Amino acid sequence: SSFTGGTTDPSPPPRVFGPCTAIPAGGSGSYSYAWTVISTNSAASFSNAAIAAPTITIDPLAGDTAYTIVRYTVTDTDTLLTARVDVLLQYTSYIIGID
């Protein structure tokens, strides 16, 4: 057999990451959460974008790197102060064929 370096299957299965957890510190201890997709070259979704630790599903690109930038925003529900962080997720799908 020999390595051919590719396949005709253009649709690898989605990849689920998580739960992805971000833990706020300080404030009153009463928080609301929001996860949003800022940028992606694929498709990405959250199990529940309003909880502290959702799972994130990314549809990979066959034989390429899918990237997704997500924003995590936490708001102190007593003071209404907000903090946020952007996170880059990369997922590379390697597709090989064996002859």
Protein backbone atom coordinates (compact mmCIF):
# COMPACT_ATOMS: atom_id res chain seq x y z
CA SER A 1 0.00 0.00 0.00
CA SER A 2 1.03 3.60 -0.46
CA PHE A 3 0.08 6.98 1.00
CA THR A 4 -1.85 9.10 -1.48
CA GLY A 5 -2.22 12.23 0.65
CA GLY A 6 -5.90 12.82 0.14
CA THR A 7 -9.39 11.47 -0.22
CA THR A 8 -12.57 12.38 -1.99
CA ASP A 9 -14.53 12.69 1.29
CA PRO A 10 -15.08 16.47 1.54
CA SER A 11 -17.05 16.42 4.80
CA PRO A 12 -15.28 15.33 7.97
CA PRO A 13 -17.55 15.27 11.05
CA PRO A 14 -17.98 18.34 13.28
CA ARG A 15 -15.69 18.61 16.30
CA VAL A 16 -17.11 19.39 19.75
CA PHE A 17 -14.87 21.23 22.22
CA GLY A 18 -15.60 21.66 25.85
CA PRO A 19 -17.15 22.38 28.01
CA CYS A 20 -15.20 25.61 27.60
CA THR A 21 -15.01 27.29 30.98
CA ALA A 22 -14.13 30.85 31.88
CA ILE A 23 -14.31 31.73 35.56
CA PRO A 24 -14.80 35.38 36.57
CA ALA A 25 -13.15 36.65 39.74
CA GLY A 26 -14.24 39.50 41.96
CA GLY A 27 -17.43 41.47 41.80
CA SER A 28 -20.62 40.49 43.56
CA GLY A 29 -20.55 36.84 42.52
CA SER A 30 -23.79 37.15 40.58
CA TYR A 31 -23.01 37.05 36.86
CA SER A 32 -24.60 36.73 33.45
CA TYR A 33 -22.66 35.18 30.57
CA ALA A 34 -22.59 35.62 26.80
CA TRP A 35 -20.52 33.70 24.24
CA THR A 36 -20.49 34.96 20.65
CA VAL A 37 -18.70 34.00 17.46
CA ILE A 38 -16.66 37.01 16.31
CA SER A 39 -15.09 35.49 13.21
CA THR A 40 -14.87 32.06 11.55
CA ASN A 41 -13.95 30.51 8.23
CA SER A 42 -16.18 27.54 8.97
CA ALA A 43 -19.37 27.09 10.98
CA ALA A 44 -19.41 27.31 14.77
CA SER A 45 -22.13 27.08 17.38
CA PHE A 46 -22.57 26.90 21.16
CA SER A 47 -24.63 24.41 23.15
CA ASN A 48 -25.95 27.37 25.17
CA ALA A 49 -24.34 30.79 24.72
CA ALA A 50 -25.78 32.14 28.00
CA ILE A 51 -24.04 29.79 30.46
CA ALA A 52 -20.56 29.83 31.99
CA ALA A 53 -19.36 26.58 30.36
CA PRO A 54 -20.91 25.71 27.00
CA THR A 55 -19.59 23.26 24.45
CA ILE A 56 -18.55 24.69 21.10
CA THR A 57 -19.07 22.77 17.86
CA ILE A 58 -16.88 23.62 14.86
CA ASP A 59 -17.40 22.21 11.38
CA PRO A 60 -13.93 21.43 10.05
CA LEU A 61 -12.70 22.16 6.57
CA ALA A 62 -11.56 19.01 4.78
CA GLY A 63 -7.76 18.92 4.77
CA ASP A 64 -7.44 22.47 6.09
CA THR A 65 -7.46 24.50 9.31
CA ALA A 66 -10.76 25.88 10.55
CA TYR A 67 -10.43 28.88 12.81
CA THR A 68 -13.01 30.50 15.03
CA ILE A 69 -12.66 33.52 17.29
CA VAL A 70 -15.14 33.51 20.15
CA ARG A 71 -15.85 36.27 22.64
CA TYR A 72 -16.69 35.51 26.25
CA THR A 73 -18.47 38.35 28.04
CA VAL A 74 -19.37 38.28 31.72
CA THR A 75 -21.48 40.94 33.41
CA ASP A 76 -21.80 41.46 37.15
CA THR A 77 -25.58 41.61 37.51
CA ASP A 78 -25.40 43.83 40.62
CA THR A 79 -22.97 46.50 39.40
CA LEU A 80 -23.47 45.98 35.63
CA LEU A 81 -19.69 46.02 35.14
CA THR A 82 -18.60 43.93 32.15
CA ALA A 83 -15.41 42.09 31.21
CA ARG A 84 -14.65 40.21 28.01
CA VAL A 85 -11.96 38.13 26.37
CA ASP A 86 -11.53 36.91 22.79
CA VAL A 87 -10.26 33.36 22.24
CA LEU A 88 -8.91 31.80 19.04
CA LEU A 89 -9.80 28.16 18.37
CA GLN A 90 -8.08 26.31 15.54
CA TYR A 91 -8.92 22.85 14.31
CA THR A 92 -6.96 21.14 11.55
CA SER A 93 -8.55 18.26 9.68
CA TYR A 94 -6.03 15.83 8.19
CA ILE A 95 -7.43 13.62 5.50
CA ILE A 96 -5.36 10.73 4.24
CA GLY A 97 -6.01 7.96 1.79
CA ILE A 98 -4.37 4.55 1.69
CA ASP A 99 -4.04 2.63 -1.56
